[in-house]
PDB file of N, CA and C in Angstrom:
ATOM      1  N   UNK A   1     -19.117   7.045   9.460  1.00  0.00           N
ATOM      2  CA  UNK A   1     -18.029   7.940   9.731  1.00  0.00           C
ATOM      3  C   UNK A   1     -16.780   7.153  10.129  1.00  0.00           C
ATOM      4  N   UNK A   2     -15.689   7.845  10.356  1.00  0.00           N
ATOM      5  CA  UNK A   2     -14.420   7.172  10.650  1.00  0.00           C
ATOM      6  C   UNK A   2     -14.476   6.327  11.910  1.00  0.00           C
ATOM      7  N   UNK A   3     -15.324   6.667  12.859  1.00  0.00           N
ATOM      8  CA  UNK A   3     -15.412   5.878  14.089  1.00  0.00           C
ATOM      9  C   UNK A   3     -15.908   4.461  13.806  1.00  0.00           C
ATOM     10  N   UNK A   4     -16.531   4.254  12.659  1.00  0.00           N
ATOM     11  CA  UNK A   4     -17.048   2.942  12.292  1.00  0.00           C
ATOM     12  C   UNK A   4     -16.045   2.106  11.499  1.00  0.00           C
ATOM     13  N   UNK A   5     -14.873   2.667  11.185  1.00  0.00           N
ATOM     14  CA  UNK A   5     -13.855   1.940  10.418  1.00  0.00           C
ATOM     15  C   UNK A   5     -13.161   0.903  11.292  1.00  0.00           C
ATOM     16  N   UNK A   6     -12.738  -0.195  10.680  1.00  0.00           N
ATOM     17  CA  UNK A   6     -11.981  -1.240  11.363  1.00  0.00           C
ATOM     18  C   UNK A   6     -10.647  -1.420  10.658  1.00  0.00           C
ATOM     19  N   UNK A   7      -9.553  -1.465  11.428  1.00  0.00           N
ATOM     20  CA  UNK A   7      -8.232  -1.719  10.866  1.00  0.00           C
ATOM     21  C   UNK A   7      -8.149  -3.187  10.476  1.00  0.00           C
ATOM     22  N   UNK A   8      -7.887  -3.453   9.202  1.00  0.00           N
ATOM     23  CA  UNK A   8      -7.794  -4.828   8.716  1.00  0.00           C
ATOM     24  C   UNK A   8      -6.363  -5.331   8.713  1.00  0.00           C
ATOM     25  N   UNK A   9      -5.409  -4.438   8.565  1.00  0.00           N
ATOM     26  CA  UNK A   9      -4.002  -4.806   8.531  1.00  0.00           C
ATOM     27  C   UNK A   9      -3.180  -3.605   8.133  1.00  0.00           C
ATOM     28  N   UNK A  10      -1.871  -3.732   8.252  1.00  0.00           N
ATOM     29  CA  UNK A  10      -0.988  -2.647   7.828  1.00  0.00           C
ATOM     30  C   UNK A  10       0.380  -3.205   7.484  1.00  0.00           C
ATOM     31  N   UNK A  11       1.131  -2.444   6.685  1.00  0.00           N
ATOM     32  CA  UNK A  11       2.500  -2.799   6.359  1.00  0.00           C
ATOM     33  C   UNK A  11       3.268  -1.530   6.052  1.00  0.00           C
ATOM     34  N   UNK A  12       4.595  -1.635   6.076  1.00  0.00           N
ATOM     35  CA  UNK A  12       5.468  -0.505   5.774  1.00  0.00           C
ATOM     36  C   UNK A  12       6.142  -0.723   4.436  1.00  0.00           C
ATOM     37  N   UNK A  13       6.287   0.346   3.693  1.00  0.00           N
ATOM     38  CA  UNK A  13       7.067   0.334   2.455  1.00  0.00           C
ATOM     39  C   UNK A  13       8.363   1.061   2.786  1.00  0.00           C
ATOM     40  N   UNK A  14       9.430   0.299   3.022  1.00  0.00           N
ATOM     41  CA  UNK A  14      10.695   0.876   3.467  1.00  0.00           C
ATOM     42  C   UNK A  14      11.670   1.022   2.310  1.00  0.00           C
ATOM     43  N   UNK A  15      12.737   1.769   2.558  1.00  0.00           N
ATOM     44  CA  UNK A  15      13.785   1.921   1.558  1.00  0.00           C
ATOM     45  C   UNK A  15      13.511   2.994   0.530  1.00  0.00           C
ATOM     46  N   UNK A  16      12.553   3.866   0.805  1.00  0.00           N
ATOM     47  CA  UNK A  16      12.271   4.964  -0.118  1.00  0.00           C
ATOM     48  C   UNK A  16      13.304   6.052   0.139  1.00  0.00           C
ATOM     49  N   UNK A  17      14.089   6.429  -0.864  1.00  0.00           N
ATOM     50  CA  UNK A  17      15.133   7.432  -0.644  1.00  0.00           C
ATOM     51  C   UNK A  17      14.536   8.799  -0.311  1.00  0.00           C
ATOM     52  N   UNK A  18      15.250   9.587   0.512  1.00  0.00           N
ATOM     53  CA  UNK A  18      14.762  10.933   0.831  1.00  0.00           C
ATOM     54  C   UNK A  18      14.579  11.753  -0.442  1.00  0.00           C
ATOM     55  N   UNK A  19      13.508  12.510  -0.478  1.00  0.00           N
ATOM     56  CA  UNK A  19      13.205  13.351  -1.642  1.00  0.00           C
ATOM     57  C   UNK A  19      12.277  14.467  -1.187  1.00  0.00           C
ATOM     58  N   UNK A  20      12.221  15.545  -1.947  1.00  0.00           N
ATOM     59  CA  UNK A  20      11.291  16.621  -1.600  1.00  0.00           C
ATOM     60  C   UNK A  20       9.842  16.121  -1.622  1.00  0.00           C
ATOM     61  N   UNK A  21       9.023  16.780  -0.840  1.00  0.00           N
ATOM     62  CA  UNK A  21       7.602  16.433  -0.777  1.00  0.00           C
ATOM     63  C   UNK A  21       7.003  16.430  -2.180  1.00  0.00           C
ATOM     64  N   UNK A  22       6.228  15.400  -2.473  1.00  0.00           N
ATOM     65  CA  UNK A  22       5.553  15.307  -3.758  1.00  0.00           C
ATOM     66  C   UNK A  22       6.349  14.602  -4.839  1.00  0.00           C
ATOM     67  N   UNK A  23       7.644  14.354  -4.586  1.00  0.00           N
ATOM     68  CA  UNK A  23       8.480  13.715  -5.605  1.00  0.00           C
ATOM     69  C   UNK A  23       8.305  12.198  -5.629  1.00  0.00           C
ATOM     70  N   UNK A  24       8.338  11.496  -4.471  1.00  0.00           N
ATOM     71  CA  UNK A  24       8.163  10.035  -4.529  1.00  0.00           C
ATOM     72  C   UNK A  24       6.815   9.673  -5.159  1.00  0.00           C
ATOM     73  N   UNK A  25       6.838   8.655  -6.001  1.00  0.00           N
ATOM     74  CA  UNK A  25       5.610   8.177  -6.634  1.00  0.00           C
ATOM     75  C   UNK A  25       5.367   6.749  -6.170  1.00  0.00           C
ATOM     76  N   UNK A  26       4.332   6.589  -5.367  1.00  0.00           N
ATOM     77  CA  UNK A  26       3.976   5.287  -4.817  1.00  0.00           C
ATOM     78  C   UNK A  26       2.656   4.862  -5.452  1.00  0.00           C
ATOM     79  N   UNK A  27       2.675   3.704  -6.073  1.00  0.00           N
ATOM     80  CA  UNK A  27       1.454   3.164  -6.687  1.00  0.00           C
ATOM     81  C   UNK A  27       0.854   2.136  -5.735  1.00  0.00           C
ATOM     82  N   UNK A  28      -0.360   2.382  -5.285  1.00  0.00           N
ATOM     83  CA  UNK A  28      -1.055   1.486  -4.360  1.00  0.00           C
ATOM     84  C   UNK A  28      -2.222   0.843  -5.099  1.00  0.00           C
ATOM     85  N   UNK A  29      -2.328  -0.483  -4.981  1.00  0.00           N
ATOM     86  CA  UNK A  29      -3.385  -1.232  -5.652  1.00  0.00           C
ATOM     87  C   UNK A  29      -4.189  -2.013  -4.617  1.00  0.00           C
ATOM     88  N   UNK A  30      -5.506  -1.895  -4.694  1.00  0.00           N
ATOM     89  CA  UNK A  30      -6.428  -2.667  -3.864  1.00  0.00           C
ATOM     90  C   UNK A  30      -7.198  -3.596  -4.789  1.00  0.00           C
ATOM     91  N   UNK A  31      -7.270  -4.880  -4.430  1.00  0.00           N
ATOM     92  CA  UNK A  31      -7.988  -5.851  -5.249  1.00  0.00           C
ATOM     93  C   UNK A  31      -8.762  -6.790  -4.332  1.00  0.00           C
ATOM     94  N   UNK A  32     -10.040  -6.953  -4.595  1.00  0.00           N
ATOM     95  CA  UNK A  32     -10.866  -7.903  -3.847  1.00  0.00           C
ATOM     96  C   UNK A  32     -11.290  -8.999  -4.812  1.00  0.00           C
ATOM     97  N   UNK A  33     -10.953 -10.252  -4.467  1.00  0.00           N
ATOM     98  CA  UNK A  33     -11.295 -11.351  -5.368  1.00  0.00           C
ATOM     99  C   UNK A  33     -12.720 -11.848  -5.102  1.00  0.00           C
ATOM    100  N   UNK A  34     -13.137 -12.851  -5.857  1.00  0.00           N
ATOM    101  CA  UNK A  34     -14.506 -13.362  -5.779  1.00  0.00           C
ATOM    102  C   UNK A  34     -14.828 -13.963  -4.412  1.00  0.00           C
ATOM    103  N   UNK A  35     -13.793 -14.340  -3.647  1.00  0.00           N
ATOM    104  CA  UNK A  35     -13.996 -14.915  -2.316  1.00  0.00           C
ATOM    105  C   UNK A  35     -13.943 -13.868  -1.212  1.00  0.00           C
ATOM    106  N   UNK A  36     -13.828 -12.600  -1.587  1.00  0.00           N
ATOM    107  CA  UNK A  36     -13.777 -11.526  -0.600  1.00  0.00           C
ATOM    108  C   UNK A  36     -12.408 -11.310   0.007  1.00  0.00           C
ATOM    109  N   UNK A  37     -11.375 -11.896  -0.603  1.00  0.00           N
ATOM    110  CA  UNK A  37     -10.005 -11.723  -0.114  1.00  0.00           C
ATOM    111  C   UNK A  37      -9.467 -10.401  -0.642  1.00  0.00           C
ATOM    112  N   UNK A  38      -8.936  -9.580   0.263  1.00  0.00           N
ATOM    113  CA  UNK A  38      -8.388  -8.278  -0.101  1.00  0.00           C
ATOM    114  C   UNK A  38      -6.882  -8.390  -0.267  1.00  0.00           C
ATOM    115  N   UNK A  39      -6.384  -7.964  -1.420  1.00  0.00           N
ATOM    116  CA  UNK A  39      -4.949  -7.896  -1.689  1.00  0.00           C
ATOM    117  C   UNK A  39      -4.582  -6.436  -1.873  1.00  0.00           C
ATOM    118  N   UNK A  40      -3.567  -5.988  -1.131  1.00  0.00           N
ATOM    119  CA  UNK A  40      -3.102  -4.612  -1.228  1.00  0.00           C
ATOM    120  C   UNK A  40      -1.611  -4.650  -1.513  1.00  0.00           C
ATOM    121  N   UNK A  41      -1.179  -3.874  -2.505  1.00  0.00           N
ATOM    122  CA  UNK A  41       0.254  -3.775  -2.793  1.00  0.00           C
ATOM    123  C   UNK A  41       0.621  -2.312  -2.981  1.00  0.00           C
ATOM    124  N   UNK A  42       1.877  -2.004  -2.663  1.00  0.00           N
ATOM    125  CA  UNK A  42       2.402  -0.655  -2.852  1.00  0.00           C
ATOM    126  C   UNK A  42       3.784  -0.780  -3.469  1.00  0.00           C
ATOM    127  N   UNK A  43       4.056   0.025  -4.500  1.00  0.00           N
ATOM    128  CA  UNK A  43       5.332  -0.013  -5.212  1.00  0.00           C
ATOM    129  C   UNK A  43       5.871   1.403  -5.327  1.00  0.00           C
ATOM    130  N   UNK A  44       7.143   1.579  -4.946  1.00  0.00           N
ATOM    131  CA  UNK A  44       7.830   2.844  -5.191  1.00  0.00           C
ATOM    132  C   UNK A  44       8.281   2.800  -6.646  1.00  0.00           C
ATOM    133  N   UNK A  45       7.728   3.661  -7.478  1.00  0.00           N
ATOM    134  CA  UNK A  45       7.977   3.592  -8.917  1.00  0.00           C
ATOM    135  C   UNK A  45       9.418   3.928  -9.291  1.00  0.00           C
ATOM    136  N   UNK A  46      10.151   4.656  -8.433  1.00  0.00           N
ATOM    137  CA  UNK A  46      11.535   5.000  -8.785  1.00  0.00           C
ATOM    138  C   UNK A  46      12.512   3.889  -8.436  1.00  0.00           C
ATOM    139  N   UNK A  47      12.251   3.128  -7.356  1.00  0.00           N
ATOM    140  CA  UNK A  47      13.190   2.085  -6.941  1.00  0.00           C
ATOM    141  C   UNK A  47      12.683   0.680  -7.246  1.00  0.00           C
ATOM    142  N   UNK A  48      11.381   0.541  -7.461  1.00  0.00           N
ATOM    143  CA  UNK A  48      10.801  -0.776  -7.683  1.00  0.00           C
ATOM    144  C   UNK A  48      10.550  -1.541  -6.394  1.00  0.00           C
ATOM    145  N   UNK A  49      10.862  -0.940  -5.239  1.00  0.00           N
ATOM    146  CA  UNK A  49      10.615  -1.621  -3.968  1.00  0.00           C
ATOM    147  C   UNK A  49       9.116  -1.805  -3.795  1.00  0.00           C
ATOM    148  N   UNK A  50       8.742  -2.999  -3.316  1.00  0.00           N
ATOM    149  CA  UNK A  50       7.328  -3.348  -3.234  1.00  0.00           C
ATOM    150  C   UNK A  50       7.041  -4.061  -1.925  1.00  0.00           C
ATOM    151  N   UNK A  51       5.848  -3.886  -1.432  1.00  0.00           N
ATOM    152  CA  UNK A  51       5.358  -4.658  -0.302  1.00  0.00           C
ATOM    153  C   UNK A  51       3.893  -4.953  -0.567  1.00  0.00           C
ATOM    154  N   UNK A  52       3.416  -6.060  -0.008  1.00  0.00           N
ATOM    155  CA  UNK A  52       2.019  -6.432  -0.224  1.00  0.00           C
ATOM    156  C   UNK A  52       1.495  -7.173   0.986  1.00  0.00           C
ATOM    157  N   UNK A  53       0.191  -7.184   1.099  1.00  0.00           N
ATOM    158  CA  UNK A  53      -0.478  -7.897   2.182  1.00  0.00           C
ATOM    159  C   UNK A  53      -1.771  -8.484   1.624  1.00  0.00           C
ATOM    160  N   UNK A  54      -2.121  -9.661   2.133  1.00  0.00           N
ATOM    161  CA  UNK A  54      -3.385 -10.309   1.781  1.00  0.00           C
ATOM    162  C   UNK A  54      -4.189 -10.470   3.059  1.00  0.00           C
ATOM    163  N   UNK A  55      -5.430 -10.031   3.005  1.00  0.00           N
ATOM    164  CA  UNK A  55      -6.291 -10.085   4.189  1.00  0.00           C
ATOM    165  C   UNK A  55      -7.543 -10.870   3.835  1.00  0.00           C
TER     166      UNK A  55
END
């Protein structure tokens, strides 16, 4: 259950222009490589703004 989850990291995707609910399109990608390294990226598809983290 959720009580067993551990926070691994976090980041903010800033600069997303105000828009009605449901309009912004954010593409989030999770990738785990052969060494167990987690890569997470998020891209605002309308502005191209991106942020990523490697854990």
